[in-house]
PDB file of N, CA and C in Angstrom:
ATOM      1  N   MET A   1       0.840  -1.189   0.000  1.00  0.00           N
ATOM      2  CA  MET A   1       0.000   0.000   0.000  1.00  0.00           C
ATOM      3  C   MET A   1       0.883   1.250   0.000  1.00  0.00           C
ATOM      4  N   GLY A   2       1.892   1.249   0.843  1.00  0.00           N
ATOM      5  CA  GLY A   2       2.766   2.411   0.933  1.00  0.00           C
ATOM      6  C   GLY A   2       3.439   2.746  -0.380  1.00  0.00           C
ATOM      7  N   ARG A   3       3.961   1.725  -1.043  1.00  0.00           N
ATOM      8  CA  ARG A   3       4.626   1.971  -2.331  1.00  0.00           C
ATOM      9  C   ARG A   3       3.642   2.502  -3.368  1.00  0.00           C
ATOM     10  N   ALA A   4       2.426   1.993  -3.342  1.00  0.00           N
ATOM     11  CA  ALA A   4       1.413   2.468  -4.289  1.00  0.00           C
ATOM     12  C   ALA A   4       1.094   3.938  -4.041  1.00  0.00           C
ATOM     13  N   MET A   5       1.008   4.329  -2.766  1.00  0.00           N
ATOM     14  CA  MET A   5       0.708   5.729  -2.432  1.00  0.00           C
ATOM     15  C   MET A   5       1.850   6.658  -2.846  1.00  0.00           C
ATOM     16  N   VAL A   6       3.095   6.209  -2.617  1.00  0.00           N
ATOM     17  CA  VAL A   6       4.258   7.006  -3.021  1.00  0.00           C
ATOM     18  C   VAL A   6       4.267   7.189  -4.534  1.00  0.00           C
ATOM     19  N   GLU A   7       4.015   6.108  -5.254  1.00  0.00           N
ATOM     20  CA  GLU A   7       3.984   6.176  -6.726  1.00  0.00           C
ATOM     21  C   GLU A   7       2.859   7.086  -7.202  1.00  0.00           C
ATOM     22  N   TYR A   8       1.690   6.956  -6.612  1.00  0.00           N
ATOM     23  CA  TYR A   8       0.555   7.802  -6.991  1.00  0.00           C
ATOM     24  C   TYR A   8       0.897   9.273  -6.772  1.00  0.00           C
ATOM     25  N   LYS A   9       1.457   9.569  -5.609  1.00  0.00           N
ATOM     26  CA  LYS A   9       1.790  10.958  -5.283  1.00  0.00           C
ATOM     27  C   LYS A   9       2.865  11.517  -6.220  1.00  0.00           C
ATOM     28  N   SER A  10       3.838  10.681  -6.584  1.00  0.00           N
ATOM     29  CA  SER A  10       4.894  11.158  -7.485  1.00  0.00           C
ATOM     30  C   SER A  10       4.352  11.459  -8.886  1.00  0.00           C
ATOM     31  N   LYS A  11       3.352  10.708  -9.307  1.00  0.00           N
ATOM     32  CA  LYS A  11       2.782  10.927 -10.645  1.00  0.00           C
ATOM     33  C   LYS A  11       1.711  12.010 -10.670  1.00  0.00           C
ATOM     34  N   ASN A  12       0.984  12.193  -9.549  1.00  0.00           N
ATOM     35  CA  ASN A  12      -0.163  13.107  -9.528  1.00  0.00           C
ATOM     36  C   ASN A  12       0.036  14.338  -8.653  1.00  0.00           C
ATOM     37  N   GLY A  13       1.116  14.363  -7.892  1.00  0.00           N
ATOM     38  CA  GLY A  13       1.400  15.526  -7.066  1.00  0.00           C
ATOM     39  C   GLY A  13       0.650  15.573  -5.750  1.00  0.00           C
ATOM     40  N   ASP A  14      -0.227  14.634  -5.500  1.00  0.00           N
ATOM     41  CA  ASP A  14      -1.013  14.595  -4.271  1.00  0.00           C
ATOM     42  C   ASP A  14      -1.482  13.165  -4.037  1.00  0.00           C
ATOM     43  N   LEU A  15      -1.963  12.903  -2.824  1.00  0.00           N
ATOM     44  CA  LEU A  15      -2.498  11.584  -2.505  1.00  0.00           C
ATOM     45  C   LEU A  15      -3.937  11.468  -3.004  1.00  0.00           C
ATOM     46  N   PRO A  16      -4.436  10.249  -3.224  1.00  0.00           N
ATOM     47  CA  PRO A  16      -5.791  10.079  -3.751  1.00  0.00           C
ATOM     48  C   PRO A  16      -6.869  10.413  -2.721  1.00  0.00           C
ATOM     49  N   ASP A  17      -8.008  10.879  -3.201  1.00  0.00           N
ATOM     50  CA  ASP A  17      -9.151  11.147  -2.337  1.00  0.00           C
ATOM     51  C   ASP A  17      -9.914   9.871  -2.013  1.00  0.00           C
ATOM     52  N   ARG A  18      -9.795   8.877  -2.894  1.00  0.00           N
ATOM     53  CA  ARG A  18     -10.481   7.603  -2.705  1.00  0.00           C
ATOM     54  C   ARG A  18      -9.482   6.465  -2.878  1.00  0.00           C
ATOM     55  N   ILE A  19      -9.577   5.493  -1.984  1.00  0.00           N
ATOM     56  CA  ILE A  19      -8.719   4.312  -2.067  1.00  0.00           C
ATOM     57  C   ILE A  19      -9.638   3.099  -2.150  1.00  0.00           C
ATOM     58  N   LEU A  20      -9.453   2.300  -3.169  1.00  0.00           N
ATOM     59  CA  LEU A  20     -10.233   1.090  -3.369  1.00  0.00           C
ATOM     60  C   LEU A  20      -9.275  -0.097  -3.333  1.00  0.00           C
ATOM     61  N   VAL A  21      -9.509  -0.999  -2.390  1.00  0.00           N
ATOM     62  CA  VAL A  21      -8.721  -2.223  -2.297  1.00  0.00           C
ATOM     63  C   VAL A  21      -9.619  -3.354  -2.769  1.00  0.00           C
ATOM     64  N   TYR A  22      -9.197  -4.038  -3.820  1.00  0.00           N
ATOM     65  CA  TYR A  22      -9.982  -5.139  -4.395  1.00  0.00           C
ATOM     66  C   TYR A  22      -9.163  -6.410  -4.266  1.00  0.00           C
ATOM     67  N   ARG A  23      -9.707  -7.410  -3.596  1.00  0.00           N
ATOM     68  CA  ARG A  23      -9.042  -8.689  -3.429  1.00  0.00           C
ATOM     69  C   ARG A  23      -9.873  -9.787  -4.058  1.00  0.00           C
ATOM     70  N   ASP A  24      -9.278 -10.516  -4.976  1.00  0.00           N
ATOM     71  CA  ASP A  24      -9.941 -11.646  -5.611  1.00  0.00           C
ATOM     72  C   ASP A  24      -9.498 -12.923  -4.889  1.00  0.00           C
ATOM     73  N   GLY A  25     -10.356 -13.911  -4.872  1.00  0.00           N
ATOM     74  CA  GLY A  25     -10.006 -15.191  -4.285  1.00  0.00           C
ATOM     75  C   GLY A  25     -10.068 -15.225  -2.768  1.00  0.00           C
ATOM     76  N   VAL A  26     -10.937 -14.440  -2.169  1.00  0.00           N
ATOM     77  CA  VAL A  26     -11.077 -14.398  -0.711  1.00  0.00           C
ATOM     78  C   VAL A  26     -12.053 -15.487  -0.274  1.00  0.00           C
ATOM     79  N   GLY A  27     -11.550 -16.452   0.460  1.00  0.00           N
ATOM     80  CA  GLY A  27     -12.400 -17.522   0.968  1.00  0.00           C
ATOM     81  C   GLY A  27     -13.020 -17.145   2.299  1.00  0.00           C
ATOM     82  N   ASP A  28     -14.047 -17.893   2.687  1.00  0.00           N
ATOM     83  CA  ASP A  28     -14.714 -17.625   3.965  1.00  0.00           C
ATOM     84  C   ASP A  28     -13.732 -17.664   5.132  1.00  0.00           C
ATOM     85  N   GLY A  29     -12.750 -18.538   5.064  1.00  0.00           N
ATOM     86  CA  GLY A  29     -11.767 -18.656   6.136  1.00  0.00           C
ATOM     87  C   GLY A  29     -10.834 -17.470   6.241  1.00  0.00           C
ATOM     88  N   GLN A  30     -10.777 -16.638   5.214  1.00  0.00           N
ATOM     89  CA  GLN A  30      -9.885 -15.480   5.220  1.00  0.00           C
ATOM     90  C   GLN A  30     -10.551 -14.200   5.713  1.00  0.00           C
ATOM     91  N   LEU A  31     -11.855 -14.199   5.852  1.00  0.00           N
ATOM     92  CA  LEU A  31     -12.555 -12.972   6.219  1.00  0.00           C
ATOM     93  C   LEU A  31     -12.076 -12.422   7.558  1.00  0.00           C
ATOM     94  N   GLN A  32     -11.960 -13.283   8.551  1.00  0.00           N
ATOM     95  CA  GLN A  32     -11.525 -12.833   9.870  1.00  0.00           C
ATOM     96  C   GLN A  32     -10.080 -12.341   9.816  1.00  0.00           C
ATOM     97  N   TYR A  33      -9.230 -13.024   9.058  1.00  0.00           N
ATOM     98  CA  TYR A  33      -7.833 -12.604   8.913  1.00  0.00           C
ATOM     99  C   TYR A  33      -7.756 -11.202   8.312  1.00  0.00           C
ATOM    100  N   ILE A  34      -8.529 -10.970   7.267  1.00  0.00           N
ATOM    101  CA  ILE A  34      -8.539  -9.654   6.629  1.00  0.00           C
ATOM    102  C   ILE A  34      -8.982  -8.594   7.626  1.00  0.00           C
ATOM    103  N   LEU A  35     -10.030  -8.894   8.377  1.00  0.00           N
ATOM    104  CA  LEU A  35     -10.553  -7.954   9.365  1.00  0.00           C
ATOM    105  C   LEU A  35      -9.541  -7.672  10.473  1.00  0.00           C
ATOM    106  N   GLU A  36      -8.819  -8.695  10.904  1.00  0.00           N
ATOM    107  CA  GLU A  36      -7.896  -8.544  12.027  1.00  0.00           C
ATOM    108  C   GLU A  36      -6.493  -8.099  11.629  1.00  0.00           C
ATOM    109  N   HIS A  37      -6.082  -8.349  10.382  1.00  0.00           N
ATOM    110  CA  HIS A  37      -4.697  -8.070  10.006  1.00  0.00           C
ATOM    111  C   HIS A  37      -4.550  -7.066   8.858  1.00  0.00           C
ATOM    112  N   GLU A  38      -5.194  -7.345   7.740  1.00  0.00           N
ATOM    113  CA  GLU A  38      -4.999  -6.485   6.573  1.00  0.00           C
ATOM    114  C   GLU A  38      -5.612  -5.096   6.760  1.00  0.00           C
ATOM    115  N   LEU A  39      -6.855  -5.054   7.201  1.00  0.00           N
ATOM    116  CA  LEU A  39      -7.505  -3.747   7.369  1.00  0.00           C
ATOM    117  C   LEU A  39      -6.812  -2.868   8.407  1.00  0.00           C
ATOM    118  N   PRO A  40      -6.412  -3.405   9.567  1.00  0.00           N
ATOM    119  CA  PRO A  40      -5.678  -2.555  10.504  1.00  0.00           C
ATOM    120  C   PRO A  40      -4.368  -2.011   9.932  1.00  0.00           C
ATOM    121  N   GLN A  41      -3.683  -2.801   9.117  1.00  0.00           N
ATOM    122  CA  GLN A  41      -2.450  -2.319   8.494  1.00  0.00           C
ATOM    123  C   GLN A  41      -2.744  -1.182   7.519  1.00  0.00           C
ATOM    124  N   ILE A  42      -3.787  -1.341   6.727  1.00  0.00           N
ATOM    125  CA  ILE A  42      -4.162  -0.287   5.783  1.00  0.00           C
ATOM    126  C   ILE A  42      -4.602   0.959   6.543  1.00  0.00           C
ATOM    127  N   ASN A  43      -5.439   0.775   7.560  1.00  0.00           N
ATOM    128  CA  ASN A  43      -5.897   1.915   8.355  1.00  0.00           C
ATOM    129  C   ASN A  43      -4.741   2.608   9.063  1.00  0.00           C
ATOM    130  N   ALA A  44      -3.765   1.857   9.570  1.00  0.00           N
ATOM    131  CA  ALA A  44      -2.597   2.451  10.230  1.00  0.00           C
ATOM    132  C   ALA A  44      -1.799   3.295   9.242  1.00  0.00           C
ATOM    133  N   TYR A  45      -1.623   2.780   8.029  1.00  0.00           N
ATOM    134  CA  TYR A  45      -0.907   3.562   7.012  1.00  0.00           C
ATOM    135  C   TYR A  45      -1.649   4.864   6.720  1.00  0.00           C
ATOM    136  N   VAL A  46      -2.961   4.769   6.532  1.00  0.00           N
ATOM    137  CA  VAL A  46      -3.759   5.958   6.222  1.00  0.00           C
ATOM    138  C   VAL A  46      -3.678   6.954   7.379  1.00  0.00           C
ATOM    139  N   GLN A  47      -3.803   6.485   8.614  1.00  0.00           N
ATOM    140  CA  GLN A  47      -3.732   7.380   9.773  1.00  0.00           C
ATOM    141  C   GLN A  47      -2.359   8.051   9.873  1.00  0.00           C
ATOM    142  N   ASN A  48      -1.309   7.284   9.648  1.00  0.00           N
ATOM    143  CA  ASN A  48       0.041   7.825   9.695  1.00  0.00           C
ATOM    144  C   ASN A  48       0.234   8.899   8.629  1.00  0.00           C
ATOM    145  N   GLU A  49      -0.247   8.620   7.437  1.00  0.00           N
ATOM    146  CA  GLU A  49      -0.118   9.576   6.339  1.00  0.00           C
ATOM    147  C   GLU A  49      -0.978  10.813   6.583  1.00  0.00           C
ATOM    148  N   LYS A  50      -2.144  10.646   7.206  1.00  0.00           N
ATOM    149  CA  LYS A  50      -3.007  11.792   7.524  1.00  0.00           C
ATOM    150  C   LYS A  50      -2.296  12.755   8.471  1.00  0.00           C
ATOM    151  N   CYS A  51      -1.487  12.218   9.393  1.00  0.00           N
ATOM    152  CA  CYS A  51      -0.734  13.069  10.319  1.00  0.00           C
ATOM    153  C   CYS A  51       0.310  13.899   9.584  1.00  0.00           C
ATOM    154  N   ARG A  52       0.828  13.369   8.484  1.00  0.00           N
ATOM    155  CA  ARG A  52       1.861  14.079   7.718  1.00  0.00           C
ATOM    156  C   ARG A  52       1.293  14.960   6.616  1.00  0.00           C
ATOM    157  N   THR A  53       0.056  14.714   6.227  1.00  0.00           N
ATOM    158  CA  THR A  53      -0.532  15.438   5.104  1.00  0.00           C
ATOM    159  C   THR A  53      -1.768  16.187   5.586  1.00  0.00           C
ATOM    160  N   SER A  54      -1.615  17.471   5.764  1.00  0.00           N
ATOM    161  CA  SER A  54      -2.703  18.296   6.301  1.00  0.00           C
ATOM    162  C   SER A  54      -3.931  18.260   5.391  1.00  0.00           C
ATOM    163  N   GLY A  55      -5.091  17.965   5.983  1.00  0.00           N
ATOM    164  CA  GLY A  55      -6.344  18.005   5.245  1.00  0.00           C
ATOM    165  C   GLY A  55      -6.665  16.769   4.426  1.00  0.00           C
ATOM    166  N   TRP A  56      -5.801  15.755   4.458  1.00  0.00           N
ATOM    167  CA  TRP A  56      -6.053  14.546   3.665  1.00  0.00           C
ATOM    168  C   TRP A  56      -7.020  13.650   4.408  1.00  0.00           C
ATOM    169  N   GLU A  57      -8.191  13.411   3.865  1.00  0.00           N
ATOM    170  CA  GLU A  57      -9.237  12.570   4.453  1.00  0.00           C
ATOM    171  C   GLU A  57      -9.777  11.629   3.371  1.00  0.00           C
ATOM    172  N   PRO A  58      -9.048  10.564   3.049  1.00  0.00           N
ATOM    173  CA  PRO A  58      -9.500   9.691   1.960  1.00  0.00           C
ATOM    174  C   PRO A  58     -10.674   8.815   2.372  1.00  0.00           C
ATOM    175  N   THR A  59     -11.435   8.416   1.382  1.00  0.00           N
ATOM    176  CA  THR A  59     -12.481   7.418   1.556  1.00  0.00           C
ATOM    177  C   THR A  59     -11.871   6.070   1.192  1.00  0.00           C
ATOM    178  N   LEU A  60     -12.046   5.067   2.064  1.00  0.00           N
ATOM    179  CA  LEU A  60     -11.465   3.752   1.840  1.00  0.00           C
ATOM    180  C   LEU A  60     -12.571   2.725   1.626  1.00  0.00           C
ATOM    181  N   ALA A  61     -12.473   1.982   0.532  1.00  0.00           N
ATOM    182  CA  ALA A  61     -13.397   0.875   0.263  1.00  0.00           C
ATOM    183  C   ALA A  61     -12.567  -0.392   0.099  1.00  0.00           C
ATOM    184  N   TYR A  62     -13.009  -1.462   0.726  1.00  0.00           N
ATOM    185  CA  TYR A  62     -12.324  -2.749   0.646  1.00  0.00           C
ATOM    186  C   TYR A  62     -13.325  -3.770   0.116  1.00  0.00           C
ATOM    187  N   ILE A  63     -12.997  -4.357  -1.006  1.00  0.00           N
ATOM    188  CA  ILE A  63     -13.879  -5.337  -1.638  1.00  0.00           C
ATOM    189  C   ILE A  63     -13.129  -6.660  -1.746  1.00  0.00           C
ATOM    190  N   GLY A  64     -13.737  -7.710  -1.219  1.00  0.00           N
ATOM    191  CA  GLY A  64     -13.153  -9.037  -1.331  1.00  0.00           C
ATOM    192  C   GLY A  64     -14.076  -9.935  -2.142  1.00  0.00           C
ATOM    193  N   GLU A  65     -13.543 -10.500  -3.199  1.00  0.00           N
ATOM    194  CA  GLU A  65     -14.349 -11.385  -4.038  1.00  0.00           C
ATOM    195  C   GLU A  65     -13.842 -12.806  -3.877  1.00  0.00           C
ATOM    196  N   GLY A  66     -14.744 -13.690  -3.535  1.00  0.00           N
ATOM    197  CA  GLY A  66     -14.399 -15.095  -3.405  1.00  0.00           C
ATOM    198  C   GLY A  66     -15.000 -15.867  -4.557  1.00  0.00           C
ATOM    199  N   SER A  67     -14.453 -17.008  -4.802  1.00  0.00           N
ATOM    200  CA  SER A  67     -15.029 -17.825  -5.869  1.00  0.00           C
ATOM    201  C   SER A  67     -15.229 -19.241  -5.357  1.00  0.00           C
ATOM    202  N   THR A  68     -16.322 -19.804  -5.745  1.00  0.00           N
ATOM    203  CA  THR A  68     -16.592 -21.208  -5.475  1.00  0.00           C
ATOM    204  C   THR A  68     -16.752 -21.877  -6.823  1.00  0.00           C
ATOM    205  N   SER A  69     -16.851 -23.171  -6.813  1.00  0.00           N
ATOM    206  CA  SER A  69     -16.984 -23.867  -8.097  1.00  0.00           C
ATOM    207  C   SER A  69     -18.300 -23.535  -8.788  1.00  0.00           C
ATOM    208  N   ALA A  70     -19.319 -23.177  -8.011  1.00  0.00           N
ATOM    209  CA  ALA A  70     -20.635 -22.933  -8.603  1.00  0.00           C
ATOM    210  C   ALA A  70     -20.877 -21.467  -8.953  1.00  0.00           C
ATOM    211  N   SER A  71     -20.339 -20.547  -8.149  1.00  0.00           N
ATOM    212  CA  SER A  71     -20.671 -19.137  -8.388  1.00  0.00           C
ATOM    213  C   SER A  71     -19.610 -18.236  -7.791  1.00  0.00           C
ATOM    214  N   LYS A  72     -19.747 -16.960  -8.074  1.00  0.00           N
ATOM    215  CA  LYS A  72     -18.866 -15.941  -7.511  1.00  0.00           C
ATOM    216  C   LYS A  72     -19.540 -15.329  -6.300  1.00  0.00           C
ATOM    217  N   ASN A  73     -18.737 -14.964  -5.323  1.00  0.00           N
ATOM    218  CA  ASN A  73     -19.214 -14.276  -4.130  1.00  0.00           C
ATOM    219  C   ASN A  73     -18.563 -12.905  -4.078  1.00  0.00           C
ATOM    220  N   LEU A  74     -19.293 -11.907  -3.667  1.00  0.00           N
ATOM    221  CA  LEU A  74     -18.737 -10.572  -3.508  1.00  0.00           C
ATOM    222  C   LEU A  74     -18.967 -10.136  -2.074  1.00  0.00           C
ATOM    223  N   ARG A  75     -17.902  -9.755  -1.397  1.00  0.00           N
ATOM    224  CA  ARG A  75     -17.992  -9.294  -0.017  1.00  0.00           C
ATOM    225  C   ARG A  75     -17.505  -7.859   0.042  1.00  0.00           C
ATOM    226  N   ILE A  76     -18.261  -7.013   0.677  1.00  0.00           N
ATOM    227  CA  ILE A  76     -17.893  -5.604   0.787  1.00  0.00           C
ATOM    228  C   ILE A  76     -17.781  -5.256   2.262  1.00  0.00           C
ATOM    229  N   MET A  77     -16.687  -4.585   2.627  1.00  0.00           N
ATOM    230  CA  MET A  77     -16.455  -4.170   3.994  1.00  0.00           C
ATOM    231  C   MET A  77     -16.908  -2.724   4.150  1.00  0.00           C
ATOM    232  N   VAL A  78     -17.802  -2.493   5.101  1.00  0.00           N
ATOM    233  CA  VAL A  78     -18.260  -1.141   5.414  1.00  0.00           C
ATOM    234  C   VAL A  78     -18.163  -0.961   6.919  1.00  0.00           C
ATOM    235  N   LYS A  79     -17.401   0.014   7.329  1.00  0.00           N
ATOM    236  CA  LYS A  79     -17.225   0.323   8.755  1.00  0.00           C
ATOM    237  C   LYS A  79     -16.880  -0.925   9.558  1.00  0.00           C
ATOM    238  N   ASN A  80     -15.870  -1.670   9.074  1.00  0.00           N
ATOM    239  CA  ASN A  80     -15.350  -2.869   9.718  1.00  0.00           C
ATOM    240  C   ASN A  80     -16.362  -3.990   9.878  1.00  0.00           C
ATOM    241  N   LYS A  81     -17.354  -4.052   9.004  1.00  0.00           N
ATOM    242  CA  LYS A  81     -18.317  -5.159   9.002  1.00  0.00           C
ATOM    243  C   LYS A  81     -18.514  -5.640   7.569  1.00  0.00           C
ATOM    244  N   TRP A  82     -18.481  -6.951   7.394  1.00  0.00           N
ATOM    245  CA  TRP A  82     -18.725  -7.519   6.073  1.00  0.00           C
ATOM    246  C   TRP A  82     -20.209  -7.470   5.765  1.00  0.00           C
ATOM    247  N   LEU A  83     -20.551  -7.032   4.574  1.00  0.00           N
ATOM    248  CA  LEU A  83     -21.946  -7.030   4.132  1.00  0.00           C
ATOM    249  C   LEU A  83     -22.217  -8.289   3.337  1.00  0.00           C
TER     250      LEU A  83
END
């Protein structure tokens, strides 16, 4: 995430107003891991960067798509809860 933000800022002169994290292949067993590990890391990066960048208040969306043999599943995280 950090490298992506640095690259974005170097090309655009500022950080993005919206951040979309899309994960394909998220199984039911990974949902808790994402909630407990990945999201806190992303949120920590955003909070740290907000302290260094005055007025930066990005919107963060996290989408996890799982696949089963029969169909596709789409999971959306809103305010730390899977919908």
